[in-house]
Amino acid sequence: LNYRSSAGAGKVEHPLVTVGIRSDGSLED
């Protein structure tokens, strides 16, 4: 719901991402 599907069209490299989550469920990084 939060991106345009056309934004990923034709991309060869998909983003590699690390998401840090704190023990209370909040976003660290």
mmCIF file of all heavy atoms, coordinates in Angstrom:
data_MODEL
# 
_entry.id   MODEL 
# 
loop_
_atom_site.group_PDB 
_atom_site.id 
_atom_site.type_symbol 
_atom_site.label_atom_id 
_atom_site.label_alt_id 
_atom_site.label_comp_id 
_atom_site.label_asym_id 
_atom_site.label_entity_id 
_atom_site.label_seq_id 
_atom_site.pdbx_PDB_ins_code 
_atom_site.Cartn_x 
_atom_site.Cartn_y 
_atom_site.Cartn_z 
_atom_site.occupancy 
_atom_site.B_iso_or_equiv 
_atom_site.pdbx_formal_charge 
_atom_site.auth_seq_id 
_atom_site.auth_comp_id 
_atom_site.auth_asym_id 
_atom_site.auth_atom_id 
_atom_site.pdbx_PDB_model_num 
ATOM 1   N N   . LEU A 1 1  ? 0.815  -1.216 0.000   1.00 0.00 ? 1  LEU A N   1 
ATOM 2   C CA  . LEU A 1 1  ? 0.000  0.000  0.000   1.00 0.00 ? 1  LEU A CA  1 
ATOM 3   C C   . LEU A 1 1  ? 0.849  1.267  0.000   1.00 0.00 ? 1  LEU A C   1 
ATOM 4   O O   . LEU A 1 1  ? 0.323  2.351  -0.213  1.00 0.00 ? 1  LEU A O   1 
ATOM 5   C CB  . LEU A 1 1  ? -0.911 0.021  1.241   1.00 0.00 ? 1  LEU A CB  1 
ATOM 6   C CG  . LEU A 1 1  ? -1.836 -1.175 1.399   1.00 0.00 ? 1  LEU A CG  1 
ATOM 7   C CD1 . LEU A 1 1  ? -2.541 -1.112 2.752   1.00 0.00 ? 1  LEU A CD1 1 
ATOM 8   C CD2 . LEU A 1 1  ? -2.831 -1.245 0.254   1.00 0.00 ? 1  LEU A CD2 1 
ATOM 9   N N   . ASN A 1 2  ? 2.160  1.141  0.224   1.00 0.00 ? 2  ASN A N   1 
ATOM 10  C CA  . ASN A 1 2  ? 3.008  2.297  0.445   1.00 0.00 ? 2  ASN A CA  1 
ATOM 11  C C   . ASN A 1 2  ? 4.097  2.508  -0.602  1.00 0.00 ? 2  ASN A C   1 
ATOM 12  O O   . ASN A 1 2  ? 5.100  3.142  -0.330  1.00 0.00 ? 2  ASN A O   1 
ATOM 13  C CB  . ASN A 1 2  ? 3.646  2.192  1.833   1.00 0.00 ? 2  ASN A CB  1 
ATOM 14  C CG  . ASN A 1 2  ? 2.596  2.192  2.913   1.00 0.00 ? 2  ASN A CG  1 
ATOM 15  O OD1 . ASN A 1 2  ? 1.992  3.216  3.194   1.00 0.00 ? 2  ASN A OD1 1 
ATOM 16  N ND2 . ASN A 1 2  ? 2.353  1.044  3.494   1.00 0.00 ? 2  ASN A ND2 1 
ATOM 17  N N   . TYR A 1 3  ? 3.896  1.968  -1.784  1.00 0.00 ? 3  TYR A N   1 
ATOM 18  C CA  . TYR A 1 3  ? 4.814  2.237  -2.892  1.00 0.00 ? 3  TYR A CA  1 
ATOM 19  C C   . TYR A 1 3  ? 4.067  2.037  -4.198  1.00 0.00 ? 3  TYR A C   1 
ATOM 20  O O   . TYR A 1 3  ? 3.074  1.319  -4.258  1.00 0.00 ? 3  TYR A O   1 
ATOM 21  C CB  . TYR A 1 3  ? 6.066  1.350  -2.827  1.00 0.00 ? 3  TYR A CB  1 
ATOM 22  C CG  . TYR A 1 3  ? 5.869  -0.052 -3.360  1.00 0.00 ? 3  TYR A CG  1 
ATOM 23  C CD1 . TYR A 1 3  ? 6.225  -0.375 -4.660  1.00 0.00 ? 3  TYR A CD1 1 
ATOM 24  C CD2 . TYR A 1 3  ? 5.337  -1.044 -2.563  1.00 0.00 ? 3  TYR A CD2 1 
ATOM 25  C CE1 . TYR A 1 3  ? 6.042  -1.651 -5.148  1.00 0.00 ? 3  TYR A CE1 1 
ATOM 26  C CE2 . TYR A 1 3  ? 5.154  -2.328 -3.046  1.00 0.00 ? 3  TYR A CE2 1 
ATOM 27  C CZ  . TYR A 1 3  ? 5.508  -2.625 -4.340  1.00 0.00 ? 3  TYR A CZ  1 
ATOM 28  O OH  . TYR A 1 3  ? 5.320  -3.878 -4.824  1.00 0.00 ? 3  TYR A OH  1 
ATOM 29  N N   . ARG A 1 4  ? 4.551  2.690  -5.231  1.00 0.00 ? 4  ARG A N   1 
ATOM 30  C CA  . ARG A 1 4  ? 3.973  2.498  -6.568  1.00 0.00 ? 4  ARG A CA  1 
ATOM 31  C C   . ARG A 1 4  ? 4.597  1.254  -7.168  1.00 0.00 ? 4  ARG A C   1 
ATOM 32  O O   . ARG A 1 4  ? 5.815  1.137  -7.220  1.00 0.00 ? 4  ARG A O   1 
ATOM 33  C CB  . ARG A 1 4  ? 4.274  3.705  -7.464  1.00 0.00 ? 4  ARG A CB  1 
ATOM 34  C CG  . ARG A 1 4  ? 3.578  4.972  -7.049  1.00 0.00 ? 4  ARG A CG  1 
ATOM 35  C CD  . ARG A 1 4  ? 3.852  6.126  -8.006  1.00 0.00 ? 4  ARG A CD  1 
ATOM 36  N NE  . ARG A 1 4  ? 5.282  6.396  -8.147  1.00 0.00 ? 4  ARG A NE  1 
ATOM 37  C CZ  . ARG A 1 4  ? 5.978  6.230  -9.286  1.00 0.00 ? 4  ARG A CZ  1 
ATOM 38  N NH1 . ARG A 1 4  ? 5.398  5.802  -10.375 1.00 0.00 ? 4  ARG A NH1 1 
ATOM 39  N NH2 . ARG A 1 4  ? 7.258  6.504  -9.326  1.00 0.00 ? 4  ARG A NH2 1 
ATOM 40  N N   . SER A 1 5  ? 3.788  0.316  -7.636  1.00 0.00 ? 5  SER A N   1 
ATOM 41  C CA  . SER A 1 5  ? 4.339  -0.921 -8.183  1.00 0.00 ? 5  SER A CA  1 
ATOM 42  C C   . SER A 1 5  ? 5.239  -0.654 -9.382  1.00 0.00 ? 5  SER A C   1 
ATOM 43  O O   . SER A 1 5  ? 6.181  -1.395 -9.641  1.00 0.00 ? 5  SER A O   1 
ATOM 44  C CB  . SER A 1 5  ? 3.222  -1.901 -8.562  1.00 0.00 ? 5  SER A CB  1 
ATOM 45  O OG  . SER A 1 5  ? 2.365  -1.329 -9.519  1.00 0.00 ? 5  SER A OG  1 
ATOM 46  N N   . SER A 1 6  ? 5.001  0.437  -10.103 1.00 0.00 ? 6  SER A N   1 
ATOM 47  C CA  . SER A 1 6  ? 5.852  0.779  -11.243 1.00 0.00 ? 6  SER A CA  1 
ATOM 48  C C   . SER A 1 6  ? 7.247  1.199  -10.796 1.00 0.00 ? 6  SER A C   1 
ATOM 49  O O   . SER A 1 6  ? 8.190  1.160  -11.575 1.00 0.00 ? 6  SER A O   1 
ATOM 50  C CB  . SER A 1 6  ? 5.218  1.900  -12.064 1.00 0.00 ? 6  SER A CB  1 
ATOM 51  O OG  . SER A 1 6  ? 5.087  3.072  -11.284 1.00 0.00 ? 6  SER A OG  1 
ATOM 52  N N   . ALA A 1 7  ? 7.413  1.564  -9.513  1.00 0.00 ? 7  ALA A N   1 
ATOM 53  C CA  . ALA A 1 7  ? 8.723  1.987  -9.019  1.00 0.00 ? 7  ALA A CA  1 
ATOM 54  C C   . ALA A 1 7  ? 9.730  0.844  -9.078  1.00 0.00 ? 7  ALA A C   1 
ATOM 55  O O   . ALA A 1 7  ? 10.919 1.074  -9.227  1.00 0.00 ? 7  ALA A O   1 
ATOM 56  C CB  . ALA A 1 7  ? 8.611  2.501  -7.588  1.00 0.00 ? 7  ALA A CB  1 
ATOM 57  N N   . GLY A 1 8  ? 9.262  -0.404 -8.958  1.00 0.00 ? 8  GLY A N   1 
ATOM 58  C CA  . GLY A 1 8  ? 10.166 -1.548 -8.989  1.00 0.00 ? 8  GLY A CA  1 
ATOM 59  C C   . GLY A 1 8  ? 10.321 -2.174 -10.351 1.00 0.00 ? 8  GLY A C   1 
ATOM 60  O O   . GLY A 1 8  ? 11.099 -3.102 -10.526 1.00 0.00 ? 8  GLY A O   1 
ATOM 61  N N   . ALA A 1 9  ? 9.615  -1.663 -11.327 1.00 0.00 ? 9  ALA A N   1 
ATOM 62  C CA  . ALA A 1 9  ? 9.663  -2.255 -12.662 1.00 0.00 ? 9  ALA A CA  1 
ATOM 63  C C   . ALA A 1 9  ? 11.041 -2.085 -13.286 1.00 0.00 ? 9  ALA A C   1 
ATOM 64  O O   . ALA A 1 9  ? 11.625 -1.016 -13.253 1.00 0.00 ? 9  ALA A O   1 
ATOM 65  C CB  . ALA A 1 9  ? 8.599  -1.610 -13.543 1.00 0.00 ? 9  ALA A CB  1 
ATOM 66  N N   . GLY A 1 10 ? 11.570 -3.164 -13.836 1.00 0.00 ? 10 GLY A N   1 
ATOM 67  C CA  . GLY A 1 10 ? 12.830 -3.110 -14.557 1.00 0.00 ? 10 GLY A CA  1 
ATOM 68  C C   . GLY A 1 10 ? 14.071 -3.060 -13.685 1.00 0.00 ? 10 GLY A C   1 
ATOM 69  O O   . GLY A 1 10 ? 15.173 -2.958 -14.181 1.00 0.00 ? 10 GLY A O   1 
ATOM 70  N N   . LYS A 1 11 ? 13.921 -3.153 -12.381 1.00 0.00 ? 11 LYS A N   1 
ATOM 71  C CA  . LYS A 1 11 ? 15.076 -3.112 -11.478 1.00 0.00 ? 11 LYS A CA  1 
ATOM 72  C C   . LYS A 1 11 ? 15.763 -4.474 -11.470 1.00 0.00 ? 11 LYS A C   1 
ATOM 73  O O   . LYS A 1 11 ? 15.112 -5.497 -11.354 1.00 0.00 ? 11 LYS A O   1 
ATOM 74  C CB  . LYS A 1 11 ? 14.663 -2.753 -10.051 1.00 0.00 ? 11 LYS A CB  1 
ATOM 75  C CG  . LYS A 1 11 ? 14.004 -1.415 -9.920  1.00 0.00 ? 11 LYS A CG  1 
ATOM 76  C CD  . LYS A 1 11 ? 15.002 -0.308 -10.123 1.00 0.00 ? 11 LYS A CD  1 
ATOM 77  C CE  . LYS A 1 11 ? 14.317 1.024  -9.908  1.00 0.00 ? 11 LYS A CE  1 
ATOM 78  N NZ  . LYS A 1 11 ? 15.047 2.130  -10.405 1.00 0.00 ? 11 LYS A NZ  1 
ATOM 79  N N   . VAL A 1 12 ? 17.065 -4.464 -11.583 1.00 0.00 ? 12 VAL A N   1 
ATOM 80  C CA  . VAL A 1 12 ? 17.823 -5.710 -11.528 1.00 0.00 ? 12 VAL A CA  1 
ATOM 81  C C   . VAL A 1 12 ? 18.180 -6.044 -10.094 1.00 0.00 ? 12 VAL A C   1 
ATOM 82  O O   . VAL A 1 12 ? 18.066 -7.171 -9.653  1.00 0.00 ? 12 VAL A O   1 
ATOM 83  C CB  . VAL A 1 12 ? 19.094 -5.611 -12.401 1.00 0.00 ? 12 VAL A CB  1 
ATOM 84  C CG1 . VAL A 1 12 ? 19.942 -6.852 -12.259 1.00 0.00 ? 12 VAL A CG1 1 
ATOM 85  C CG2 . VAL A 1 12 ? 18.726 -5.375 -13.852 1.00 0.00 ? 12 VAL A CG2 1 
ATOM 86  N N   . GLU A 1 13 ? 18.596 -5.046 -9.345  1.00 0.00 ? 13 GLU A N   1 
ATOM 87  C CA  . GLU A 1 13 ? 19.005 -5.239 -7.955  1.00 0.00 ? 13 GLU A CA  1 
ATOM 88  C C   . GLU A 1 13 ? 17.851 -4.899 -7.012  1.00 0.00 ? 13 GLU A C   1 
ATOM 89  O O   . GLU A 1 13 ? 17.339 -3.784 -7.026  1.00 0.00 ? 13 GLU A O   1 
ATOM 90  C CB  . GLU A 1 13 ? 20.202 -4.344 -7.621  1.00 0.00 ? 13 GLU A CB  1 
ATOM 91  C CG  . GLU A 1 13 ? 21.476 -4.713 -8.328  1.00 0.00 ? 13 GLU A CG  1 
ATOM 92  C CD  . GLU A 1 13 ? 22.079 -6.013 -7.826  1.00 0.00 ? 13 GLU A CD  1 
ATOM 93  O OE1 . GLU A 1 13 ? 21.897 -6.353 -6.644  1.00 0.00 ? 13 GLU A OE1 1 
ATOM 94  O OE2 . GLU A 1 13 ? 22.728 -6.682 -8.630  1.00 0.00 ? 13 GLU A OE2 1 
ATOM 95  N N   . HIS A 1 14 ? 17.465 -5.862 -6.212  1.00 0.00 ? 14 HIS A N   1 
ATOM 96  C CA  . HIS A 1 14 ? 16.469 -5.604 -5.180  1.00 0.00 ? 14 HIS A CA  1 
ATOM 97  C C   . HIS A 1 14 ? 17.213 -5.119 -3.941  1.00 0.00 ? 14 HIS A C   1 
ATOM 98  O O   . HIS A 1 14 ? 18.318 -5.583 -3.650  1.00 0.00 ? 14 HIS A O   1 
ATOM 99  C CB  . HIS A 1 14 ? 15.691 -6.877 -4.860  1.00 0.00 ? 14 HIS A CB  1 
ATOM 100 C CG  . HIS A 1 14 ? 14.898 -7.383 -6.030  1.00 0.00 ? 14 HIS A CG  1 
ATOM 101 N ND1 . HIS A 1 14 ? 13.750 -6.772 -6.461  1.00 0.00 ? 14 HIS A ND1 1 
ATOM 102 C CD2 . HIS A 1 14 ? 15.098 -8.435 -6.849  1.00 0.00 ? 14 HIS A CD2 1 
ATOM 103 C CE1 . HIS A 1 14 ? 13.268 -7.427 -7.499  1.00 0.00 ? 14 HIS A CE1 1 
ATOM 104 N NE2 . HIS A 1 14 ? 14.072 -8.436 -7.770  1.00 0.00 ? 14 HIS A NE2 1 
ATOM 105 N N   . PRO A 1 15 ? 16.627 -4.185 -3.188  1.00 0.00 ? 15 PRO A N   1 
ATOM 106 C CA  . PRO A 1 15 ? 17.333 -3.677 -2.017  1.00 0.00 ? 15 PRO A CA  1 
ATOM 107 C C   . PRO A 1 15 ? 17.550 -4.764 -0.965  1.00 0.00 ? 15 PRO A C   1 
ATOM 108 O O   . PRO A 1 15 ? 16.680 -5.592 -0.723  1.00 0.00 ? 15 PRO A O   1 
ATOM 109 C CB  . PRO A 1 15 ? 16.417 -2.571 -1.486  1.00 0.00 ? 15 PRO A CB  1 
ATOM 110 C CG  . PRO A 1 15 ? 15.091 -2.786 -2.114  1.00 0.00 ? 15 PRO A CG  1 
ATOM 111 C CD  . PRO A 1 15 ? 15.328 -3.550 -3.370  1.00 0.00 ? 15 PRO A CD  1 
ATOM 112 N N   . LEU A 1 16 ? 18.736 -4.738 -0.378  1.00 0.00 ? 16 LEU A N   1 
ATOM 113 C CA  . LEU A 1 16 ? 19.095 -5.612 0.732   1.00 0.00 ? 16 LEU A CA  1 
ATOM 114 C C   . LEU A 1 16 ? 19.082 -4.739 1.970   1.00 0.00 ? 16 LEU A C   1 
ATOM 115 O O   . LEU A 1 16 ? 19.809 -3.744 2.039   1.00 0.00 ? 16 LEU A O   1 
ATOM 116 C CB  . LEU A 1 16 ? 20.472 -6.236 0.509   1.00 0.00 ? 16 LEU A CB  1 
ATOM 117 C CG  . LEU A 1 16 ? 21.021 -7.079 1.649   1.00 0.00 ? 16 LEU A CG  1 
ATOM 118 C CD1 . LEU A 1 16 ? 20.109 -8.264 1.948   1.00 0.00 ? 16 LEU A CD1 1 
ATOM 119 C CD2 . LEU A 1 16 ? 22.427 -7.552 1.304   1.00 0.00 ? 16 LEU A CD2 1 
ATOM 120 N N   . VAL A 1 17 ? 18.241 -5.097 2.931   1.00 0.00 ? 17 VAL A N   1 
ATOM 121 C CA  . VAL A 1 17 ? 17.934 -4.201 4.044   1.00 0.00 ? 17 VAL A CA  1 
ATOM 122 C C   . VAL A 1 17 ? 18.035 -4.933 5.375   1.00 0.00 ? 17 VAL A C   1 
ATOM 123 O O   . VAL A 1 17 ? 17.598 -6.083 5.493   1.00 0.00 ? 17 VAL A O   1 
ATOM 124 C CB  . VAL A 1 17 ? 16.496 -3.648 3.890   1.00 0.00 ? 17 VAL A CB  1 
ATOM 125 C CG1 . VAL A 1 17 ? 16.138 -2.710 5.020   1.00 0.00 ? 17 VAL A CG1 1 
ATOM 126 C CG2 . VAL A 1 17 ? 16.321 -2.973 2.537   1.00 0.00 ? 17 VAL A CG2 1 
ATOM 127 N N   . THR A 1 18 ? 18.581 -4.256 6.388   1.00 0.00 ? 18 THR A N   1 
ATOM 128 C CA  . THR A 1 18 ? 18.535 -4.742 7.760   1.00 0.00 ? 18 THR A CA  1 
ATOM 129 C C   . THR A 1 18 ? 17.653 -3.798 8.558   1.00 0.00 ? 18 THR A C   1 
ATOM 130 O O   . THR A 1 18 ? 17.868 -2.585 8.540   1.00 0.00 ? 18 THR A O   1 
ATOM 131 C CB  . THR A 1 18 ? 19.937 -4.802 8.398   1.00 0.00 ? 18 THR A CB  1 
ATOM 132 O OG1 . THR A 1 18 ? 20.725 -5.747 7.676   1.00 0.00 ? 18 THR A OG1 1 
ATOM 133 C CG2 . THR A 1 18 ? 19.867 -5.219 9.856   1.00 0.00 ? 18 THR A CG2 1 
ATOM 134 N N   . VAL A 1 19 ? 16.656 -4.382 9.227   1.00 0.00 ? 19 VAL A N   1 
ATOM 135 C CA  . VAL A 1 19 ? 15.761 -3.618 10.091  1.00 0.00 ? 19 VAL A CA  1 
ATOM 136 C C   . VAL A 1 19 ? 16.043 -4.045 11.520  1.00 0.00 ? 19 VAL A C   1 
ATOM 137 O O   . VAL A 1 19 ? 16.000 -5.238 11.837  1.00 0.00 ? 19 VAL A O   1 
ATOM 138 C CB  . VAL A 1 19 ? 14.283 -3.863 9.722   1.00 0.00 ? 19 VAL A CB  1 
ATOM 139 C CG1 . VAL A 1 19 ? 13.356 -3.157 10.701  1.00 0.00 ? 19 VAL A CG1 1 
ATOM 140 C CG2 . VAL A 1 19 ? 14.007 -3.402 8.297   1.00 0.00 ? 19 VAL A CG2 1 
ATOM 141 N N   . GLY A 1 20 ? 16.351 -3.081 12.391  1.00 0.00 ? 20 GLY A N   1 
ATOM 142 C CA  . GLY A 1 20 ? 16.563 -3.350 13.806  1.00 0.00 ? 20 GLY A CA  1 
ATOM 143 C C   . GLY A 1 20 ? 15.284 -3.083 14.574  1.00 0.00 ? 20 GLY A C   1 
ATOM 144 O O   . GLY A 1 20 ? 14.681 -2.019 14.429  1.00 0.00 ? 20 GLY A O   1 
ATOM 145 N N   . ILE A 1 21 ? 14.881 -4.055 15.382  1.00 0.00 ? 21 ILE A N   1 
ATOM 146 C CA  . ILE A 1 21 ? 13.664 -3.933 16.178  1.00 0.00 ? 21 ILE A CA  1 
ATOM 147 C C   . ILE A 1 21 ? 14.015 -4.125 17.648  1.00 0.00 ? 21 ILE A C   1 
ATOM 148 O O   . ILE A 1 21 ? 14.681 -5.100 18.011  1.00 0.00 ? 21 ILE A O   1 
ATOM 149 C CB  . ILE A 1 21 ? 12.616 -4.975 15.739  1.00 0.00 ? 21 ILE A CB  1 
ATOM 150 C CG1 . ILE A 1 21 ? 12.289 -4.785 14.253  1.00 0.00 ? 21 ILE A CG1 1 
ATOM 151 C CG2 . ILE A 1 21 ? 11.346 -4.868 16.592  1.00 0.00 ? 21 ILE A CG2 1 
ATOM 152 C CD1 . ILE A 1 21 ? 11.399 -5.857 13.680  1.00 0.00 ? 21 ILE A CD1 1 
ATOM 153 N N   . ARG A 1 22 ? 13.564 -3.177 18.474  1.00 0.00 ? 22 ARG A N   1 
ATOM 154 C CA  . ARG A 1 22 ? 13.794 -3.253 19.922  1.00 0.00 ? 22 ARG A CA  1 
ATOM 155 C C   . ARG A 1 22 ? 12.838 -4.271 20.555  1.00 0.00 ? 22 ARG A C   1 
ATOM 156 O O   . ARG A 1 22 ? 11.795 -4.578 19.990  1.00 0.00 ? 22 ARG A O   1 
ATOM 157 C CB  . ARG A 1 22 ? 13.580 -1.886 20.563  1.00 0.00 ? 22 ARG A CB  1 
ATOM 158 C CG  . ARG A 1 22 ? 14.557 -0.845 20.097  1.00 0.00 ? 22 ARG A CG  1 
ATOM 159 C CD  . ARG A 1 22 ? 14.315 0.494  20.825  1.00 0.00 ? 22 ARG A CD  1 
ATOM 160 N NE  . ARG A 1 22 ? 15.062 1.550  20.178  1.00 0.00 ? 22 ARG A NE  1 
ATOM 161 C CZ  . ARG A 1 22 ? 14.521 2.483  19.382  1.00 0.00 ? 22 ARG A CZ  1 
ATOM 162 N NH1 . ARG A 1 22 ? 13.220 2.527  19.174  1.00 0.00 ? 22 ARG A NH1 1 
ATOM 163 N NH2 . ARG A 1 22 ? 15.288 3.402  18.824  1.00 0.00 ? 22 ARG A NH2 1 
ATOM 164 N N   . SER A 1 23 ? 13.180 -4.718 21.741  1.00 0.00 ? 23 SER A N   1 
ATOM 165 C CA  . SER A 1 23 ? 12.386 -5.754 22.414  1.00 0.00 ? 23 SER A CA  1 
ATOM 166 C C   . SER A 1 23 ? 10.938 -5.338 22.661  1.00 0.00 ? 23 SER A C   1 
ATOM 167 O O   . SER A 1 23 ? 10.056 -6.185 22.735  1.00 0.00 ? 23 SER A O   1 
ATOM 168 C CB  . SER A 1 23 ? 13.046 -6.172 23.733  1.00 0.00 ? 23 SER A CB  1 
ATOM 169 O OG  . SER A 1 23 ? 13.131 -5.068 24.616  1.00 0.00 ? 23 SER A OG  1 
ATOM 170 N N   . ASP A 1 24 ? 10.676 -4.036 22.742  1.00 0.00 ? 24 ASP A N   1 
ATOM 171 C CA  . ASP A 1 24 ? 9.292  -3.572 22.938  1.00 0.00 ? 24 ASP A CA  1 
ATOM 172 C C   . ASP A 1 24 ? 8.534  -3.457 21.617  1.00 0.00 ? 24 ASP A C   1 
ATOM 173 O O   . ASP A 1 24 ? 7.375  -3.058 21.583  1.00 0.00 ? 24 ASP A O   1 
ATOM 174 C CB  . ASP A 1 24 ? 9.265  -2.239 23.675  1.00 0.00 ? 24 ASP A CB  1 
ATOM 175 C CG  . ASP A 1 24 ? 9.883  -1.086 22.886  1.00 0.00 ? 24 ASP A CG  1 
ATOM 176 O OD1 . ASP A 1 24 ? 10.399 -1.298 21.770  1.00 0.00 ? 24 ASP A OD1 1 
ATOM 177 O OD2 . ASP A 1 24 ? 9.851  0.047  23.407  1.00 0.00 ? 24 ASP A OD2 1 
ATOM 178 N N   . GLY A 1 25 ? 9.179  -3.788 20.497  1.00 0.00 ? 25 GLY A N   1 
ATOM 179 C CA  . GLY A 1 25 ? 8.555  -3.743 19.185  1.00 0.00 ? 25 GLY A CA  1 
ATOM 180 C C   . GLY A 1 25 ? 8.793  -2.448 18.430  1.00 0.00 ? 25 GLY A C   1 
ATOM 181 O O   . GLY A 1 25 ? 8.406  -2.330 17.264  1.00 0.00 ? 25 GLY A O   1 
ATOM 182 N N   . SER A 1 26 ? 9.433  -1.481 19.053  1.00 0.00 ? 26 SER A N   1 
ATOM 183 C CA  . SER A 1 26 ? 9.705  -0.214 18.368  1.00 0.00 ? 26 SER A CA  1 
ATOM 184 C C   . SER A 1 26 ? 10.858 -0.378 17.380  1.00 0.00 ? 26 SER A C   1 
ATOM 185 O O   . SER A 1 26 ? 11.680 -1.281 17.498  1.00 0.00 ? 26 SER A O   1 
ATOM 186 C CB  . SER A 1 26 ? 10.001 0.898  19.375  1.00 0.00 ? 26 SER A CB  1 
ATOM 187 O OG  . SER A 1 26 ? 11.161 0.603  20.135  1.00 0.00 ? 26 SER A OG  1 
ATOM 188 N N   . LEU A 1 27 ? 10.892 0.513  16.410  1.00 0.00 ? 27 LEU A N   1 
ATOM 189 C CA  . LEU A 1 27 ? 11.899 0.464  15.351  1.00 0.00 ? 27 LEU A CA  1 
ATOM 190 C C   . LEU A 1 27 ? 13.202 1.102  15.837  1.00 0.00 ? 27 LEU A C   1 
ATOM 191 O O   . LEU A 1 27 ? 13.202 2.237  16.310  1.00 0.00 ? 27 LEU A O   1 
ATOM 192 C CB  . LEU A 1 27 ? 11.376 1.213  14.121  1.00 0.00 ? 27 LEU A CB  1 
ATOM 193 C CG  . LEU A 1 27 ? 12.232 1.181  12.870  1.00 0.00 ? 27 LEU A CG  1 
ATOM 194 C CD1 . LEU A 1 27 ? 12.334 -0.238 12.321  1.00 0.00 ? 27 LEU A CD1 1 
ATOM 195 C CD2 . LEU A 1 27 ? 11.630 2.109  11.826  1.00 0.00 ? 27 LEU A CD2 1 
ATOM 196 N N   . GLU A 1 28 ? 14.288 0.376  15.737  1.00 0.00 ? 28 GLU A N   1 
ATOM 197 C CA  . GLU A 1 28 ? 15.609 0.870  16.120  1.00 0.00 ? 28 GLU A CA  1 
ATOM 198 C C   . GLU A 1 28 ? 16.273 1.580  14.944  1.00 0.00 ? 28 GLU A C   1 
ATOM 199 O O   . GLU A 1 28 ? 16.768 2.683  15.075  1.00 0.00 ? 28 GLU A O   1 
ATOM 200 C CB  . GLU A 1 28 ? 16.483 -0.301 16.591  1.00 0.00 ? 28 GLU A CB  1 
ATOM 201 C CG  . GLU A 1 28 ? 17.942 0.010  16.770  1.00 0.00 ? 28 GLU A CG  1 
ATOM 202 C CD  . GLU A 1 28 ? 18.287 0.655  18.090  1.00 0.00 ? 28 GLU A CD  1 
ATOM 203 O OE1 . GLU A 1 28 ? 17.412 0.783  18.951  1.00 0.00 ? 28 GLU A OE1 1 
ATOM 204 O OE2 . GLU A 1 28 ? 19.454 1.029  18.259  1.00 0.00 ? 28 GLU A OE2 1 
ATOM 205 N N   . ASP A 1 29 ? 16.296 0.894  13.778  1.00 0.00 ? 29 ASP A N   1 
ATOM 206 C CA  . ASP A 1 29 ? 17.062 1.413  12.652  1.00 0.00 ? 29 ASP A CA  1 
ATOM 207 C C   . ASP A 1 29 ? 16.663 0.684  11.370  1.00 0.00 ? 29 ASP A C   1 
ATOM 208 O O   . ASP A 1 29 ? 16.181 -0.444 11.420  1.00 0.00 ? 29 ASP A O   1 
ATOM 209 C CB  . ASP A 1 29 ? 18.557 1.179  12.922  1.00 0.00 ? 29 ASP A CB  1 
ATOM 210 C CG  . ASP A 1 29 ? 19.458 1.835  11.899  1.00 0.00 ? 29 ASP A CG  1 
ATOM 211 O OD1 . ASP A 1 29 ? 19.091 2.884  11.344  1.00 0.00 ? 29 ASP A OD1 1 
ATOM 212 O OD2 . ASP A 1 29 ? 20.542 1.286  11.633  1.00 0.00 ? 29 ASP A OD2 1 
# 
